[in-house]
Amino acid sequence: MRLTQFRELMETEFGALRAAAVSRDHVFAQLGGRTVEEALEHGIDPREVWKAVCEEYDVPPVRR
């Protein structure tokens, strides 16, 4: 998954403002205690980050 696709999925699921807040502020245990932005900066694959977001926020399987 490309980073641009990840960003599009986040905005589609949460809206632009909430997607930015989730990416910046929410700490995910599945990402090693990192936020989305920190995980991406540390080189974690956007697909793995998206999976963590989906699990944490109960995104329906059809949109995963």
N, C-alpha and C. Protein backbone atom coordinates (compact mmCIF):
# COMPACT_ATOMS: atom_id res chain seq x y z
N MET A 1 0.85 -1.17 0.00
CA MET A 1 0.00 0.00 0.00
C MET A 1 0.90 1.24 0.00
N ARG A 2 0.57 2.18 -0.85
CA ARG A 2 1.30 3.44 -0.89
C ARG A 2 0.80 4.37 0.22
N LEU A 3 1.65 5.27 0.61
CA LEU A 3 1.29 6.23 1.65
C LEU A 3 0.11 7.09 1.22
N THR A 4 0.04 7.46 -0.05
CA THR A 4 -1.08 8.26 -0.53
C THR A 4 -2.39 7.49 -0.41
N GLN A 5 -2.36 6.20 -0.70
CA GLN A 5 -3.57 5.39 -0.56
C GLN A 5 -3.98 5.30 0.91
N PHE A 6 -2.99 5.13 1.78
CA PHE A 6 -3.27 5.10 3.22
C PHE A 6 -3.96 6.38 3.66
N ARG A 7 -3.42 7.52 3.25
CA ARG A 7 -4.01 8.82 3.63
C ARG A 7 -5.45 8.93 3.10
N GLU A 8 -5.69 8.47 1.88
CA GLU A 8 -7.04 8.51 1.32
C GLU A 8 -8.00 7.65 2.13
N LEU A 9 -7.55 6.46 2.53
CA LEU A 9 -8.40 5.58 3.33
C LEU A 9 -8.73 6.22 4.68
N MET A 10 -7.73 6.84 5.30
CA MET A 10 -7.96 7.50 6.59
C MET A 10 -8.99 8.62 6.44
N GLU A 11 -8.84 9.44 5.42
CA GLU A 11 -9.78 10.56 5.22
C GLU A 11 -11.17 10.07 4.86
N THR A 12 -11.26 9.01 4.09
CA THR A 12 -12.56 8.46 3.73
C THR A 12 -13.26 7.90 4.97
N GLU A 13 -12.51 7.24 5.82
CA GLU A 13 -13.09 6.60 7.00
C GLU A 13 -13.44 7.61 8.09
N PHE A 14 -12.58 8.60 8.32
CA PHE A 14 -12.75 9.49 9.46
C PHE A 14 -13.07 10.94 9.12
N GLY A 15 -12.90 11.33 7.87
CA GLY A 15 -12.99 12.74 7.51
C GLY A 15 -11.62 13.36 7.71
N ALA A 16 -11.35 14.45 7.03
CA ALA A 16 -10.01 15.03 7.03
C ALA A 16 -9.53 15.45 8.42
N LEU A 17 -10.37 16.15 9.17
CA LEU A 17 -9.93 16.65 10.47
C LEU A 17 -9.71 15.54 11.48
N ARG A 18 -10.65 14.60 11.54
CA ARG A 18 -10.51 13.52 12.52
C ARG A 18 -9.36 12.59 12.11
N ALA A 19 -9.18 12.35 10.82
CA ALA A 19 -8.06 11.51 10.37
C ALA A 19 -6.74 12.11 10.81
N ALA A 20 -6.61 13.41 10.69
CA ALA A 20 -5.39 14.09 11.12
C ALA A 20 -5.20 13.94 12.62
N ALA A 21 -6.27 14.10 13.38
CA ALA A 21 -6.18 13.98 14.83
C ALA A 21 -5.83 12.56 15.25
N VAL A 22 -6.46 11.57 14.64
CA VAL A 22 -6.17 10.17 14.96
C VAL A 22 -4.70 9.87 14.64
N SER A 23 -4.24 10.33 13.50
CA SER A 23 -2.86 10.07 13.08
C SER A 23 -1.84 10.71 14.00
N ARG A 24 -2.17 11.84 14.51
CA ARG A 24 -1.24 12.64 15.31
C ARG A 24 -1.31 12.32 16.81
N ASP A 25 -2.50 12.01 17.31
CA ASP A 25 -2.71 11.96 18.76
C ASP A 25 -2.93 10.58 19.38
N HIS A 26 -3.48 9.65 18.64
CA HIS A 26 -3.83 8.35 19.23
C HIS A 26 -2.60 7.43 19.24
N VAL A 27 -2.29 6.88 20.39
CA VAL A 27 -1.17 5.94 20.53
C VAL A 27 -1.71 4.52 20.41
N PHE A 28 -1.11 3.75 19.52
CA PHE A 28 -1.55 2.38 19.24
C PHE A 28 -0.58 1.37 19.85
N ALA A 29 -1.07 0.50 20.71
CA ALA A 29 -0.24 -0.56 21.28
C ALA A 29 0.31 -1.45 20.17
N GLN A 30 -0.52 -1.73 19.16
CA GLN A 30 -0.09 -2.60 18.06
C GLN A 30 1.04 -2.01 17.23
N LEU A 31 1.26 -0.73 17.38
CA LEU A 31 2.33 -0.07 16.64
C LEU A 31 3.51 0.25 17.56
N GLY A 32 3.60 -0.51 18.63
CA GLY A 32 4.71 -0.34 19.56
C GLY A 32 4.61 0.91 20.41
N GLY A 33 3.38 1.32 20.70
CA GLY A 33 3.19 2.51 21.51
C GLY A 33 3.46 3.80 20.74
N ARG A 34 3.25 3.73 19.43
CA ARG A 34 3.47 4.89 18.57
C ARG A 34 2.14 5.40 18.02
N THR A 35 2.17 6.65 17.60
CA THR A 35 1.04 7.19 16.85
C THR A 35 1.21 6.73 15.40
N VAL A 36 0.19 6.97 14.59
CA VAL A 36 0.28 6.66 13.16
C VAL A 36 1.47 7.38 12.54
N GLU A 37 1.60 8.66 12.82
CA GLU A 37 2.68 9.44 12.22
C GLU A 37 4.05 8.91 12.65
N GLU A 38 4.19 8.57 13.92
CA GLU A 38 5.46 8.03 14.40
C GLU A 38 5.76 6.69 13.75
N ALA A 39 4.75 5.85 13.63
CA ALA A 39 4.94 4.53 13.02
C ALA A 39 5.41 4.67 11.57
N LEU A 40 4.76 5.55 10.83
CA LEU A 40 5.15 5.75 9.44
C LEU A 40 6.57 6.32 9.34
N GLU A 41 6.91 7.24 10.23
CA GLU A 41 8.26 7.81 10.25
C GLU A 41 9.31 6.75 10.58
N HIS A 42 8.94 5.75 11.36
CA HIS A 42 9.87 4.68 11.72
C HIS A 42 9.90 3.57 10.68
N GLY A 43 9.22 3.78 9.57
CA GLY A 43 9.29 2.83 8.45
C GLY A 43 8.33 1.67 8.51
N ILE A 44 7.35 1.72 9.40
CA ILE A 44 6.35 0.66 9.42
C ILE A 44 5.48 0.80 8.18
N ASP A 45 5.24 -0.32 7.52
CA ASP A 45 4.48 -0.34 6.28
C ASP A 45 3.09 0.25 6.48
N PRO A 46 2.66 1.15 5.59
CA PRO A 46 1.31 1.74 5.72
C PRO A 46 0.20 0.70 5.82
N ARG A 47 0.35 -0.45 5.17
CA ARG A 47 -0.66 -1.51 5.26
C ARG A 47 -0.78 -2.00 6.70
N GLU A 48 0.35 -2.17 7.39
CA GLU A 48 0.32 -2.61 8.79
C GLU A 48 -0.28 -1.53 9.69
N VAL A 49 0.00 -0.29 9.39
CA VAL A 49 -0.57 0.81 10.15
C VAL A 49 -2.08 0.85 9.95
N TRP A 50 -2.52 0.68 8.71
CA TRP A 50 -3.95 0.68 8.40
C TRP A 50 -4.65 -0.46 9.15
N LYS A 51 -4.03 -1.65 9.18
CA LYS A 51 -4.62 -2.78 9.91
C LYS A 51 -4.79 -2.44 11.39
N ALA A 52 -3.80 -1.79 11.97
CA ALA A 52 -3.89 -1.42 13.38
C ALA A 52 -5.01 -0.42 13.61
N VAL A 53 -5.14 0.56 12.72
CA VAL A 53 -6.21 1.55 12.82
C VAL A 53 -7.57 0.85 12.71
N CYS A 54 -7.69 -0.04 11.75
CA CYS A 54 -8.95 -0.75 11.54
C CYS A 54 -9.36 -1.57 12.76
N GLU A 55 -8.41 -2.24 13.35
CA GLU A 55 -8.72 -3.05 14.53
C GLU A 55 -9.09 -2.17 15.72
N GLU A 56 -8.36 -1.11 15.92
CA GLU A 56 -8.60 -0.22 17.06
C GLU A 56 -9.96 0.49 16.96
N TYR A 57 -10.33 0.86 15.75
CA TYR A 57 -11.56 1.64 15.55
C TYR A 57 -12.70 0.81 14.94
N ASP A 58 -12.56 -0.51 14.93
CA ASP A 58 -13.61 -1.40 14.44
C ASP A 58 -14.12 -1.02 13.06
N VAL A 59 -13.20 -0.77 12.16
CA VAL A 59 -13.57 -0.47 10.76
C VAL A 59 -14.14 -1.77 10.17
N PRO A 60 -15.32 -1.72 9.56
CA PRO A 60 -15.92 -2.92 9.00
C PRO A 60 -15.00 -3.58 7.96
N PRO A 61 -15.01 -4.92 7.93
CA PRO A 61 -14.13 -5.64 7.01
C PRO A 61 -14.23 -5.20 5.55
N VAL A 62 -15.40 -4.78 5.13
CA VAL A 62 -15.57 -4.38 3.73
C VAL A 62 -14.73 -3.14 3.40
N ARG A 63 -14.37 -2.35 4.40
CA ARG A 63 -13.59 -1.13 4.15
C ARG A 63 -12.12 -1.27 4.56
N ARG A 64 -11.72 -2.47 4.89
CA ARG A 64 -10.33 -2.67 5.33
C ARG A 64 -9.38 -2.87 4.18
